[in-house]
C-alpha atoms as a PDB file:
ATOM      1  CA  UNK A   1      11.751  92.220  19.028  1.00  0.00           C
ATOM      2  CA  UNK A   2      14.251  89.928  17.269  1.00  0.00           C
ATOM      3  CA  UNK A   3      11.815  87.033  17.484  1.00  0.00           C
ATOM      4  CA  UNK A   4       9.128  89.011  15.711  1.00  0.00           C
ATOM      5  CA  UNK A   5      11.456  90.072  12.909  1.00  0.00           C
ATOM      6  CA  UNK A   6      12.640  86.502  12.368  1.00  0.00           C
ATOM      7  CA  UNK A   7       9.058  85.213  12.339  1.00  0.00           C
ATOM      8  CA  UNK A   8       8.052  87.890   9.840  1.00  0.00           C
ATOM      9  CA  UNK A   9      10.888  86.926   7.478  1.00  0.00           C
ATOM     10  CA  UNK A  10       9.924  83.269   7.619  1.00  0.00           C
ATOM     11  CA  UNK A  11       6.334  84.158   6.811  1.00  0.00           C
ATOM     12  CA  UNK A  12       7.300  86.133   3.707  1.00  0.00           C
ATOM     13  CA  UNK A  13       9.610  83.365   2.567  1.00  0.00           C
ATOM     14  CA  UNK A  14       6.935  80.682   2.919  1.00  0.00           C
ATOM     15  CA  UNK A  15       4.395  82.850   1.085  1.00  0.00           C
ATOM     16  CA  UNK A  16       6.777  83.088  -1.852  1.00  0.00           C
ATOM     17  CA  UNK A  17       7.229  79.327  -1.811  1.00  0.00           C
ATOM     18  CA  UNK A  18       3.481  78.773  -1.866  1.00  0.00           C
ATOM     19  CA  UNK A  19       3.060  81.125  -4.816  1.00  0.00           C
ATOM     20  CA  UNK A  20       5.971  79.518  -6.657  1.00  0.00           C
ATOM     21  CA  UNK A  21       4.510  76.070  -5.985  1.00  0.00           C
ATOM     22  CA  UNK A  22       1.099  77.115  -7.263  1.00  0.00           C
ATOM     23  CA  UNK A  23       2.567  78.556 -10.469  1.00  0.00           C
ATOM     24  CA  UNK A  24       4.707  75.467 -11.010  1.00  0.00           C
ATOM     25  CA  UNK A  25       1.693  73.229 -10.399  1.00  0.00           C
ATOM     26  CA  UNK A  26      -0.380  75.127 -12.925  1.00  0.00           C
ATOM     27  CA  UNK A  27       2.395  74.865 -15.501  1.00  0.00           C
ATOM     28  CA  UNK A  28       2.733  71.120 -14.970  1.00  0.00           C
ATOM     29  CA  UNK A  29      -1.034  70.655 -15.146  1.00  0.00           C
ATOM     30  CA  UNK A  30      -1.332  72.699 -18.320  1.00  0.00           C
ATOM     31  CA  UNK A  31       1.509  70.794 -19.958  1.00  0.00           C
ATOM     32  CA  UNK A  32       0.056  67.417 -18.986  1.00  0.00           C
ATOM     33  CA  UNK A  33      -3.365  68.474 -20.215  1.00  0.00           C
ATOM     34  CA  UNK A  34      -2.060  69.599 -23.577  1.00  0.00           C
ATOM     35  CA  UNK A  35       0.008  66.464 -24.062  1.00  0.00           C
ATOM     36  CA  UNK A  36      -2.891  64.131 -23.298  1.00  0.00           C
ATOM     37  CA  UNK A  37      -5.601  66.129 -25.079  1.00  0.00           C
ATOM     38  CA  UNK A  38      -7.746  64.191 -27.553  1.00  0.00           C
ATOM     39  CA  UNK A  39      -7.638  67.022 -30.122  1.00  0.00           C
ATOM     40  CA  UNK A  40      -4.833  68.051 -32.483  1.00  0.00           C
ATOM     41  CA  UNK A  41      -2.499  70.837 -31.357  1.00  0.00           C
ATOM     42  CA  UNK A  42      -3.687  73.365 -33.929  1.00  0.00           C
ATOM     43  CA  UNK A  43      -7.300  72.959 -32.820  1.00  0.00           C
ATOM     44  CA  UNK A  44      -6.339  73.334 -29.148  1.00  0.00           C
ATOM     45  CA  UNK A  45      -4.352  76.494 -29.907  1.00  0.00           C
ATOM     46  CA  UNK A  46      -7.342  77.950 -31.753  1.00  0.00           C
ATOM     47  CA  UNK A  47      -9.666  77.156 -28.840  1.00  0.00           C
ATOM     48  CA  UNK A  48      -7.228  78.619 -26.314  1.00  0.00           C
ATOM     49  CA  UNK A  49      -6.796  81.738 -28.427  1.00  0.00           C
ATOM     50  CA  UNK A  50     -10.552  82.217 -28.756  1.00  0.00           C
ATOM     51  CA  UNK A  51     -11.194  81.713 -25.040  1.00  0.00           C
ATOM     52  CA  UNK A  52      -8.330  84.031 -24.081  1.00  0.00           C
ATOM     53  CA  UNK A  53      -9.682  86.718 -26.396  1.00  0.00           C
ATOM     54  CA  UNK A  54     -13.179  86.330 -24.902  1.00  0.00           C
ATOM     55  CA  UNK A  55     -11.817  86.520 -21.350  1.00  0.00           C
ATOM     56  CA  UNK A  56      -9.817  89.662 -22.141  1.00  0.00           C
ATOM     57  CA  UNK A  57     -12.916  91.287 -23.635  1.00  0.00           C
ATOM     58  CA  UNK A  58     -14.908  90.474 -20.483  1.00  0.00           C
ATOM     59  CA  UNK A  59     -12.171  91.901 -18.257  1.00  0.00           C
ATOM     60  CA  UNK A  60     -12.002  95.049 -20.370  1.00  0.00           C
ATOM     61  CA  UNK A  61     -15.771  95.453 -20.222  1.00  0.00           C
ATOM     62  CA  UNK A  62     -15.765  94.963 -16.443  1.00  0.00           C
ATOM     63  CA  UNK A  63     -13.061  97.612 -16.040  1.00  0.00           C
ATOM     64  CA  UNK A  64     -15.007 100.061 -18.220  1.00  0.00           C
ATOM     65  CA  UNK A  65     -18.176  99.422 -16.209  1.00  0.00           C
ATOM     66  CA  UNK A  66     -16.403  99.923 -12.882  1.00  0.00           C
ATOM     67  CA  UNK A  67     -14.877 103.198 -14.114  1.00  0.00           C
ATOM     68  CA  UNK A  68     -18.294 104.340 -15.317  1.00  0.00           C
ATOM     69  CA  UNK A  69     -19.871 103.604 -11.901  1.00  0.00           C
ATOM     70  CA  UNK A  70     -17.304 105.704 -10.048  1.00  0.00           C
END
């Protein structure tokens, strides 16, 4: 029984490390992309804001549709 509990703890710990690594990788990639972008910062912020707004609208619409289907 001890072996199983120790294995289970290691699994949870490694899952957290994978998630942390993925988040850190995304942050590094985003930062590198913004620093090497061929457009000015203000234009990039406007594009990101517009795309984020569009994505949030799509998510909201999807949630409304799924609630309506239930």
